[in-house]
Protein backbone atom coordinates (compact mmCIF):
# COMPACT_ATOMS: atom_id res chain seq x y z
CA MET A 1 -101.09 138.51 69.98
CA THR A 2 -101.79 140.94 67.15
CA ILE A 3 -98.85 142.67 65.48
CA ALA A 4 -99.14 145.59 63.04
CA LEU A 5 -96.43 145.73 60.38
CA PRO A 6 -95.74 148.45 57.79
CA LYS A 7 -96.10 147.32 54.19
CA GLY A 8 -92.87 146.76 52.29
CA ARG A 9 -89.27 145.95 53.14
CA ILE A 10 -89.52 146.34 56.92
CA ALA A 11 -92.46 143.90 57.11
CA GLU A 12 -90.40 141.37 55.15
CA ASP A 13 -87.41 141.88 57.46
CA VAL A 14 -89.55 141.46 60.60
CA LEU A 15 -91.20 138.31 59.24
CA ALA A 16 -87.69 136.97 58.48
CA ILE A 17 -86.86 137.48 62.17
CA PHE A 18 -89.97 135.49 63.14
CA LYS A 19 -88.91 132.75 60.73
CA LYS A 20 -85.57 132.51 62.57
CA ILE A 21 -87.30 132.39 65.96
CA PHE A 22 -89.98 129.83 65.16
CA ASN A 23 -88.35 127.99 62.25
CA GLU A 24 -91.47 128.49 60.12
CA ASP A 25 -92.22 130.55 57.03
CA PHE A 26 -94.03 133.81 57.75
CA GLU A 27 -95.26 135.51 54.58
CA PHE A 28 -98.33 137.49 53.59
CA GLU A 29 -100.15 135.89 50.68
CA SER A 30 -100.64 138.10 47.64
CA ARG A 31 -102.92 141.05 48.44
CA LYS A 32 -103.91 139.60 51.83
CA LEU A 33 -103.68 142.00 54.74
CA ILE A 34 -103.86 139.45 57.58
CA LEU A 35 -101.51 136.56 58.34
CA LYS A 36 -102.31 134.13 61.17
CA LYS A 37 -99.52 131.80 62.24
CA ALA A 38 -97.93 130.31 65.38
CA GLY A 39 -100.45 132.07 67.63
CA PHE A 40 -99.81 135.48 66.07
CA THR A 41 -102.02 137.65 63.89
CA PHE A 42 -100.02 139.99 61.65
CA LEU A 43 -101.69 143.02 60.08
CA ASN A 44 -100.18 144.48 56.90
CA VAL A 45 -100.94 148.21 57.10
CA ARG A 46 -99.57 151.49 55.79
CA ASN A 47 -96.51 152.75 57.63
CA TRP A 48 -98.30 155.88 58.83
CA ASP A 49 -101.19 153.83 60.23
CA VAL A 50 -99.21 151.37 62.39
CA ALA A 51 -99.06 153.64 65.44
CA THR A 52 -102.81 154.32 65.22
CA TYR A 53 -103.62 150.59 65.14
CA VAL A 54 -101.45 150.10 68.23
CA GLU A 55 -102.63 153.19 70.11
CA LYS A 56 -106.30 152.22 69.58
CA GLN A 57 -105.54 148.58 70.55
CA ALA A 58 -106.47 147.10 67.18
CA ALA A 59 -102.96 145.64 67.52
CA ASP A 60 -101.04 144.79 70.70
CA ILE A 61 -97.65 145.69 69.29
CA GLY A 62 -96.32 147.14 66.04
CA VAL A 63 -93.22 148.06 64.12
CA VAL A 64 -92.88 151.66 62.94
CA GLY A 65 -90.26 154.32 62.26
CA TYR A 66 -89.26 156.60 65.12
CA ASP A 67 -89.96 159.57 62.83
CA VAL A 68 -93.61 158.49 62.51
CA ILE A 69 -94.06 158.07 66.29
CA THR A 70 -92.53 161.51 66.85
CA GLU A 71 -94.60 163.20 64.14
CA LEU A 72 -97.90 161.66 65.27
CA ARG A 73 -97.07 162.12 68.98
CA SER A 74 -98.41 158.62 69.50
CA ASP A 75 -99.45 157.55 72.99
CA VAL A 76 -97.69 154.17 72.91
CA LEU A 77 -94.80 152.43 74.66
CA GLU A 78 -91.52 152.15 72.77
CA LEU A 79 -89.96 148.78 73.59
CA MET A 80 -87.04 148.24 71.24
CA ASP A 81 -84.98 149.71 68.42
CA LEU A 82 -84.82 147.07 65.68
CA GLY A 83 -82.12 148.94 63.80
CA LEU A 84 -84.00 148.46 60.52
CA GLY A 85 -84.94 151.16 58.02
CA LYS A 86 -82.31 153.61 59.23
CA CYS A 87 -82.71 157.16 57.98
CA ARG A 88 -82.66 160.72 59.25
CA VAL A 89 -84.99 163.68 59.23
CA SER A 90 -83.18 166.72 57.86
CA VAL A 91 -83.56 170.28 56.70
CA GLY A 92 -82.92 170.51 52.96
CA GLY A 93 -82.56 173.50 50.70
CA ILE A 94 -81.15 174.80 47.45
CA LYS A 95 -77.47 173.95 47.13
CA GLY A 96 -75.20 176.80 48.19
CA ASP A 97 -78.08 178.98 49.38
CA ASP A 98 -78.14 179.49 53.16
CA SER A 99 -80.06 182.78 53.06
CA TYR A 100 -82.90 181.18 55.05
CA LYS A 101 -80.69 181.42 58.15
CA ASN A 102 -80.82 185.23 58.01
CA LYS A 103 -84.56 185.63 57.50
CA SER A 104 -86.84 186.87 60.28
CA GLU A 105 -89.39 184.23 59.27
CA ILE A 106 -89.02 181.24 56.99
CA VAL A 107 -91.41 179.03 55.04
CA VAL A 108 -90.89 175.28 55.41
CA ALA A 109 -92.50 172.55 53.31
CA SER A 110 -92.81 169.12 54.90
CA LYS A 111 -94.86 165.99 55.36
CA LEU A 112 -93.52 166.02 58.93
CA ALA A 113 -95.21 169.25 60.02
CA ASN A 114 -94.99 168.68 63.78
CA ILE A 115 -91.31 167.75 63.68
CA ALA A 116 -90.58 170.79 61.52
CA LYS A 117 -92.54 173.17 63.78
CA ASP A 118 -90.89 171.83 66.93
CA TYR A 119 -87.40 172.03 65.47
CA PHE A 120 -87.57 175.63 64.28
CA SER A 121 -89.42 176.69 67.43
CA LYS A 122 -86.53 175.33 69.53
CA GLN A 123 -84.11 177.23 67.25
CA GLY A 124 -86.08 180.40 67.97
CA ILE A 125 -86.88 180.82 64.27
CA PRO A 126 -90.47 181.79 63.35
CA ALA A 127 -91.58 179.36 60.66
CA GLU A 128 -94.67 178.87 58.56
CA VAL A 129 -94.95 175.15 57.82
CA ILE A 130 -96.77 174.08 54.66
CA LYS A 131 -97.83 170.44 54.85
CA LEU A 132 -97.25 168.49 51.64
CA ASN A 133 -97.75 164.77 51.06
CA GLY A 134 -95.25 164.11 48.29
CA SER A 135 -92.57 165.56 45.98
CA ILE A 136 -91.40 167.76 48.87
CA GLU A 137 -88.17 168.55 46.98
CA LEU A 138 -90.14 170.60 44.46
CA ALA A 139 -91.20 173.26 46.99
CA PRO A 140 -87.99 175.34 47.25
CA LEU A 141 -87.34 174.99 43.50
CA VAL A 142 -90.59 176.78 42.61
CA GLY A 143 -90.49 179.31 45.45
CA LEU A 144 -93.18 177.65 47.56
CA SER A 145 -90.80 177.38 50.53
CA ASP A 146 -87.34 178.45 51.67
CA VAL A 147 -86.42 174.97 52.86
CA ILE A 148 -87.92 171.52 53.36
CA VAL A 149 -87.91 169.01 56.20
CA ASP A 150 -87.88 165.48 54.88
CA ILE A 151 -86.67 161.92 55.42
CA VAL A 152 -83.19 161.36 54.03
CA GLU A 153 -81.47 158.02 53.48
CA THR A 154 -78.57 158.62 51.09
CA GLY A 155 -79.29 162.21 50.05
CA SER A 156 -79.33 161.26 46.36
CA THR A 157 -82.89 162.53 45.79
CA LEU A 158 -81.90 165.92 47.19
CA ARG A 159 -78.76 166.09 45.03
CA GLU A 160 -80.61 165.03 41.88
CA ASN A 161 -82.94 167.98 42.37
CA GLY A 162 -80.24 170.59 43.03
CA LEU A 163 -80.77 170.53 46.79
CA GLU A 164 -78.52 169.67 49.71
CA GLU A 165 -78.87 168.55 53.30
CA LYS A 166 -78.50 171.60 55.55
CA GLU A 167 -79.10 170.29 59.08
CA VAL A 168 -79.90 166.90 60.62
CA ILE A 169 -82.89 167.13 62.97
CA MET A 170 -83.07 163.52 64.15
CA HIS A 171 -82.06 159.97 63.33
CA SER A 172 -84.75 157.33 62.85
CA SER A 173 -85.08 153.56 62.61
CA ALA A 174 -87.82 150.98 63.06
CA ARG A 175 -89.04 150.59 66.66
CA ILE A 176 -91.24 148.00 68.32
CA ILE A 177 -94.10 149.77 70.05
CA ALA A 178 -96.85 148.46 72.32
CA ASN A 179 -100.34 149.48 73.32
CA LYS A 180 -100.23 150.52 76.99
CA ASN A 181 -103.16 148.33 78.04
CA SER A 182 -101.88 145.35 76.07
CA PHE A 183 -98.50 145.71 77.74
CA LEU A 184 -100.13 145.62 81.18
CA THR A 185 -102.26 142.55 80.43
CA ARG A 186 -99.74 140.65 78.28
CA LYS A 187 -96.47 141.91 79.74
CA LYS A 188 -94.83 138.51 80.20
CA GLU A 189 -95.79 137.36 76.69
CA ILE A 190 -94.63 140.59 75.05
CA LEU A 191 -91.32 140.76 76.93
CA SER A 192 -90.63 137.10 76.13
CA LEU A 193 -91.09 137.86 72.43
CA ILE A 194 -88.83 140.92 72.68
CA GLU A 195 -86.07 138.78 74.22
CA LYS A 196 -86.36 136.25 71.39
CA ILE A 197 -86.17 139.03 68.82
CA LYS A 198 -83.07 140.45 70.52
CA GLU A 199 -81.40 137.04 70.42
CA VAL A 200 -81.83 136.57 66.66
CA ASN A 201 -81.48 140.24 65.73
CA GLY A 202 -78.17 140.67 67.52
CA ALA A 203 -79.51 143.52 69.63
């Protein structure tokens, strides 16, 4: 079974779960992107690429944030909430300035363009969404946008830049996802693994 993991802390946490299940060390060697152990092949990929690897069946299952699945509109099965990497997707703006709520059309800067568009569309607010890939907090400070939509953990980055959290759009955490064909052909194997993960993860 091939499992796609996002690089960083979540990959380490998931491999720690496998260590508990199989009583073996699971760790990517320095700079290596593939780990083969106990009948599993782990792929160490960028967070935003996990869902693509799973959707295209380069991996049978994967671990990825719910925000990423939602943004990419990935055609995968969601099997379990691991409860890792908890965060939220929120609207942020300049502290004390809520003037965006009274505008006939607003400009939103975000890496999560689809989530932002869907949210403001449901609110009945016409919004132009500018897609940025980093330093989203800068946009309202230099007049590029009225507000931003970004991932928030503690809110400290917003506060440090004179911004504040205005509205929470959604909560996110790491989910186990599966390729639809893989789930059909390896259902028993995948569900057995999910049960073992639940046992050691306290889910």
